[in-house]
Amino acid sequence: MSEKNKLDATTFCKLLDEFGEEAAKQTLEDVNEGRCSADTLEKYLYTDETKDEYSARLKKEYEDFE
């Protein structure tokens, strides 16, 4: 059975960057299982920069890898 992830790639990457792989996976599971909403998570995750700012910064950081 295929499960649709309820977190987008940008938010998952932010979790991975800030808290590591295990925490990112557990948080993804929590959101997918309905224990936490993606909106609530994003509200507290993007405090230093907006989601769009983080996404743009991430794209810029990885330009050299293309």
N, C-alpha and C. Protein backbone atom coordinates (compact mmCIF):
# COMPACT_ATOMS: atom_id res chain seq x y z
N MET A 1 0.85 -1.18 0.00
CA MET A 1 0.00 0.00 0.00
C MET A 1 0.89 1.24 0.00
N SER A 2 0.62 2.14 -0.90
CA SER A 2 1.39 3.37 -1.03
C SER A 2 0.79 4.46 -0.16
N GLU A 3 1.64 5.10 0.63
CA GLU A 3 1.18 6.16 1.52
C GLU A 3 1.67 7.50 0.99
N LYS A 4 0.78 8.45 0.85
CA LYS A 4 1.15 9.78 0.39
C LYS A 4 1.71 10.57 1.56
N ASN A 5 2.90 11.12 1.38
CA ASN A 5 3.50 11.94 2.42
C ASN A 5 2.76 13.26 2.52
N LYS A 6 2.50 13.68 3.73
CA LYS A 6 1.77 14.92 3.96
C LYS A 6 2.70 16.11 4.20
N LEU A 7 4.00 15.87 4.11
CA LEU A 7 4.99 16.95 4.18
C LEU A 7 5.61 17.13 2.81
N ASP A 8 5.79 18.37 2.41
CA ASP A 8 6.47 18.62 1.14
C ASP A 8 7.98 18.48 1.33
N ALA A 9 8.69 18.40 0.22
CA ALA A 9 10.13 18.17 0.25
C ALA A 9 10.88 19.30 0.96
N THR A 10 10.43 20.53 0.80
CA THR A 10 11.11 21.67 1.43
C THR A 10 11.06 21.55 2.95
N THR A 11 9.90 21.24 3.48
CA THR A 11 9.76 21.12 4.93
C THR A 11 10.54 19.92 5.46
N PHE A 12 10.51 18.81 4.73
CA PHE A 12 11.28 17.65 5.15
C PHE A 12 12.78 17.98 5.18
N CYS A 13 13.26 18.68 4.16
CA CYS A 13 14.68 19.08 4.12
C CYS A 13 15.04 20.00 5.28
N LYS A 14 14.14 20.91 5.61
CA LYS A 14 14.38 21.81 6.74
C LYS A 14 14.51 21.00 8.03
N LEU A 15 13.62 20.03 8.23
CA LEU A 15 13.71 19.16 9.41
C LEU A 15 15.03 18.39 9.41
N LEU A 16 15.40 17.86 8.26
CA LEU A 16 16.63 17.11 8.13
C LEU A 16 17.84 17.98 8.46
N ASP A 17 17.87 19.19 7.93
CA ASP A 17 18.97 20.13 8.19
C ASP A 17 19.09 20.49 9.66
N GLU A 18 17.96 20.75 10.29
CA GLU A 18 17.98 21.26 11.66
C GLU A 18 18.06 20.18 12.73
N PHE A 19 17.47 19.01 12.46
CA PHE A 19 17.33 18.02 13.52
C PHE A 19 17.89 16.64 13.20
N GLY A 20 18.29 16.41 11.97
CA GLY A 20 18.87 15.13 11.60
C GLY A 20 17.86 14.15 11.02
N GLU A 21 18.40 13.06 10.48
CA GLU A 21 17.59 12.10 9.73
C GLU A 21 16.53 11.42 10.59
N GLU A 22 16.90 10.94 11.76
CA GLU A 22 15.94 10.21 12.60
C GLU A 22 14.77 11.09 13.00
N ALA A 23 15.05 12.32 13.42
CA ALA A 23 13.97 13.23 13.81
C ALA A 23 13.09 13.60 12.62
N ALA A 24 13.69 13.78 11.45
CA ALA A 24 12.92 14.12 10.25
C ALA A 24 11.98 12.97 9.88
N LYS A 25 12.49 11.75 9.92
CA LYS A 25 11.66 10.58 9.61
C LYS A 25 10.52 10.43 10.61
N GLN A 26 10.82 10.59 11.89
CA GLN A 26 9.80 10.46 12.93
C GLN A 26 8.73 11.54 12.78
N THR A 27 9.15 12.75 12.47
CA THR A 27 8.19 13.84 12.29
C THR A 27 7.32 13.60 11.07
N LEU A 28 7.91 13.10 9.99
CA LEU A 28 7.13 12.75 8.81
C LEU A 28 6.08 11.70 9.16
N GLU A 29 6.48 10.71 9.92
CA GLU A 29 5.53 9.67 10.35
C GLU A 29 4.42 10.28 11.21
N ASP A 30 4.79 11.17 12.13
CA ASP A 30 3.79 11.82 12.99
C ASP A 30 2.78 12.61 12.17
N VAL A 31 3.24 13.32 11.16
CA VAL A 31 2.34 14.10 10.31
C VAL A 31 1.47 13.16 9.48
N ASN A 32 2.07 12.13 8.90
CA ASN A 32 1.30 11.18 8.09
C ASN A 32 0.24 10.46 8.90
N GLU A 33 0.52 10.20 10.18
CA GLU A 33 -0.42 9.49 11.06
C GLU A 33 -1.44 10.43 11.69
N GLY A 34 -1.28 11.74 11.49
CA GLY A 34 -2.23 12.70 12.01
C GLY A 34 -1.97 13.17 13.43
N ARG A 35 -0.80 12.84 13.98
CA ARG A 35 -0.47 13.28 15.35
C ARG A 35 -0.06 14.74 15.39
N CYS A 36 0.31 15.28 14.25
CA CYS A 36 0.71 16.69 14.12
C CYS A 36 0.35 17.12 12.71
N SER A 37 -0.14 18.34 12.57
CA SER A 37 -0.48 18.80 11.22
C SER A 37 0.74 19.48 10.58
N ALA A 38 0.81 19.41 9.27
CA ALA A 38 1.89 20.06 8.53
C ALA A 38 1.86 21.57 8.76
N ASP A 39 0.66 22.14 8.83
CA ASP A 39 0.54 23.59 9.05
C ASP A 39 1.11 24.00 10.40
N THR A 40 0.80 23.23 11.45
CA THR A 40 1.33 23.53 12.78
C THR A 40 2.84 23.41 12.80
N LEU A 41 3.35 22.36 12.19
CA LEU A 41 4.79 22.15 12.13
C LEU A 41 5.48 23.32 11.44
N GLU A 42 4.94 23.72 10.29
CA GLU A 42 5.54 24.83 9.54
C GLU A 42 5.49 26.14 10.32
N LYS A 43 4.45 26.33 11.09
CA LYS A 43 4.30 27.56 11.89
C LYS A 43 5.49 27.73 12.84
N TYR A 44 5.95 26.65 13.43
CA TYR A 44 7.05 26.72 14.39
C TYR A 44 8.42 26.45 13.77
N LEU A 45 8.45 25.84 12.61
CA LEU A 45 9.72 25.50 11.97
C LEU A 45 10.35 26.69 11.25
N TYR A 46 9.51 27.50 10.63
CA TYR A 46 10.02 28.63 9.85
C TYR A 46 9.91 29.92 10.65
N THR A 47 10.82 30.09 11.61
CA THR A 47 10.80 31.30 12.43
C THR A 47 11.92 32.27 12.03
N ASP A 48 13.07 31.74 11.61
CA ASP A 48 14.20 32.59 11.23
C ASP A 48 14.11 33.08 9.80
N GLU A 49 13.46 32.30 8.96
CA GLU A 49 13.27 32.65 7.56
C GLU A 49 11.97 32.01 7.09
N THR A 50 11.37 32.58 6.06
CA THR A 50 10.13 32.02 5.54
C THR A 50 10.44 30.73 4.77
N LYS A 51 9.41 29.99 4.49
CA LYS A 51 9.57 28.76 3.71
C LYS A 51 10.13 29.08 2.33
N ASP A 52 9.64 30.15 1.72
CA ASP A 52 10.14 30.56 0.40
C ASP A 52 11.61 30.97 0.46
N GLU A 53 11.99 31.69 1.50
CA GLU A 53 13.39 32.10 1.67
C GLU A 53 14.28 30.87 1.85
N TYR A 54 13.83 29.93 2.67
CA TYR A 54 14.60 28.70 2.89
C TYR A 54 14.75 27.93 1.58
N SER A 55 13.67 27.80 0.84
CA SER A 55 13.69 27.08 -0.43
C SER A 55 14.67 27.72 -1.41
N ALA A 56 14.63 29.04 -1.51
CA ALA A 56 15.54 29.76 -2.42
C ALA A 56 16.99 29.58 -1.98
N ARG A 57 17.24 29.65 -0.67
CA ARG A 57 18.60 29.47 -0.16
C ARG A 57 19.10 28.05 -0.44
N LEU A 58 18.24 27.08 -0.24
CA LEU A 58 18.60 25.68 -0.49
C LEU A 58 18.93 25.46 -1.96
N LYS A 59 18.12 26.01 -2.85
CA LYS A 59 18.38 25.88 -4.29
C LYS A 59 19.72 26.51 -4.65
N LYS A 60 20.00 27.68 -4.07
CA LYS A 60 21.25 28.38 -4.35
C LYS A 60 22.45 27.56 -3.86
N GLU A 61 22.33 26.96 -2.67
CA GLU A 61 23.42 26.17 -2.11
C GLU A 61 23.75 24.96 -2.98
N TYR A 62 22.76 24.41 -3.65
CA TYR A 62 22.97 23.20 -4.43
C TYR A 62 23.13 23.45 -5.93
N GLU A 63 23.25 24.70 -6.34
CA GLU A 63 23.45 25.02 -7.75
C GLU A 63 24.71 24.37 -8.31
N ASP A 64 25.75 24.31 -7.52
CA ASP A 64 27.03 23.76 -7.98
C ASP A 64 26.98 22.25 -8.21
N PHE A 65 25.98 21.58 -7.68
CA PHE A 65 25.89 20.12 -7.81
C PHE A 65 25.19 19.69 -9.08
N GLU A 66 24.62 20.63 -9.82
CA GLU A 66 23.89 20.28 -11.05
C GLU A 66 24.80 20.04 -12.21
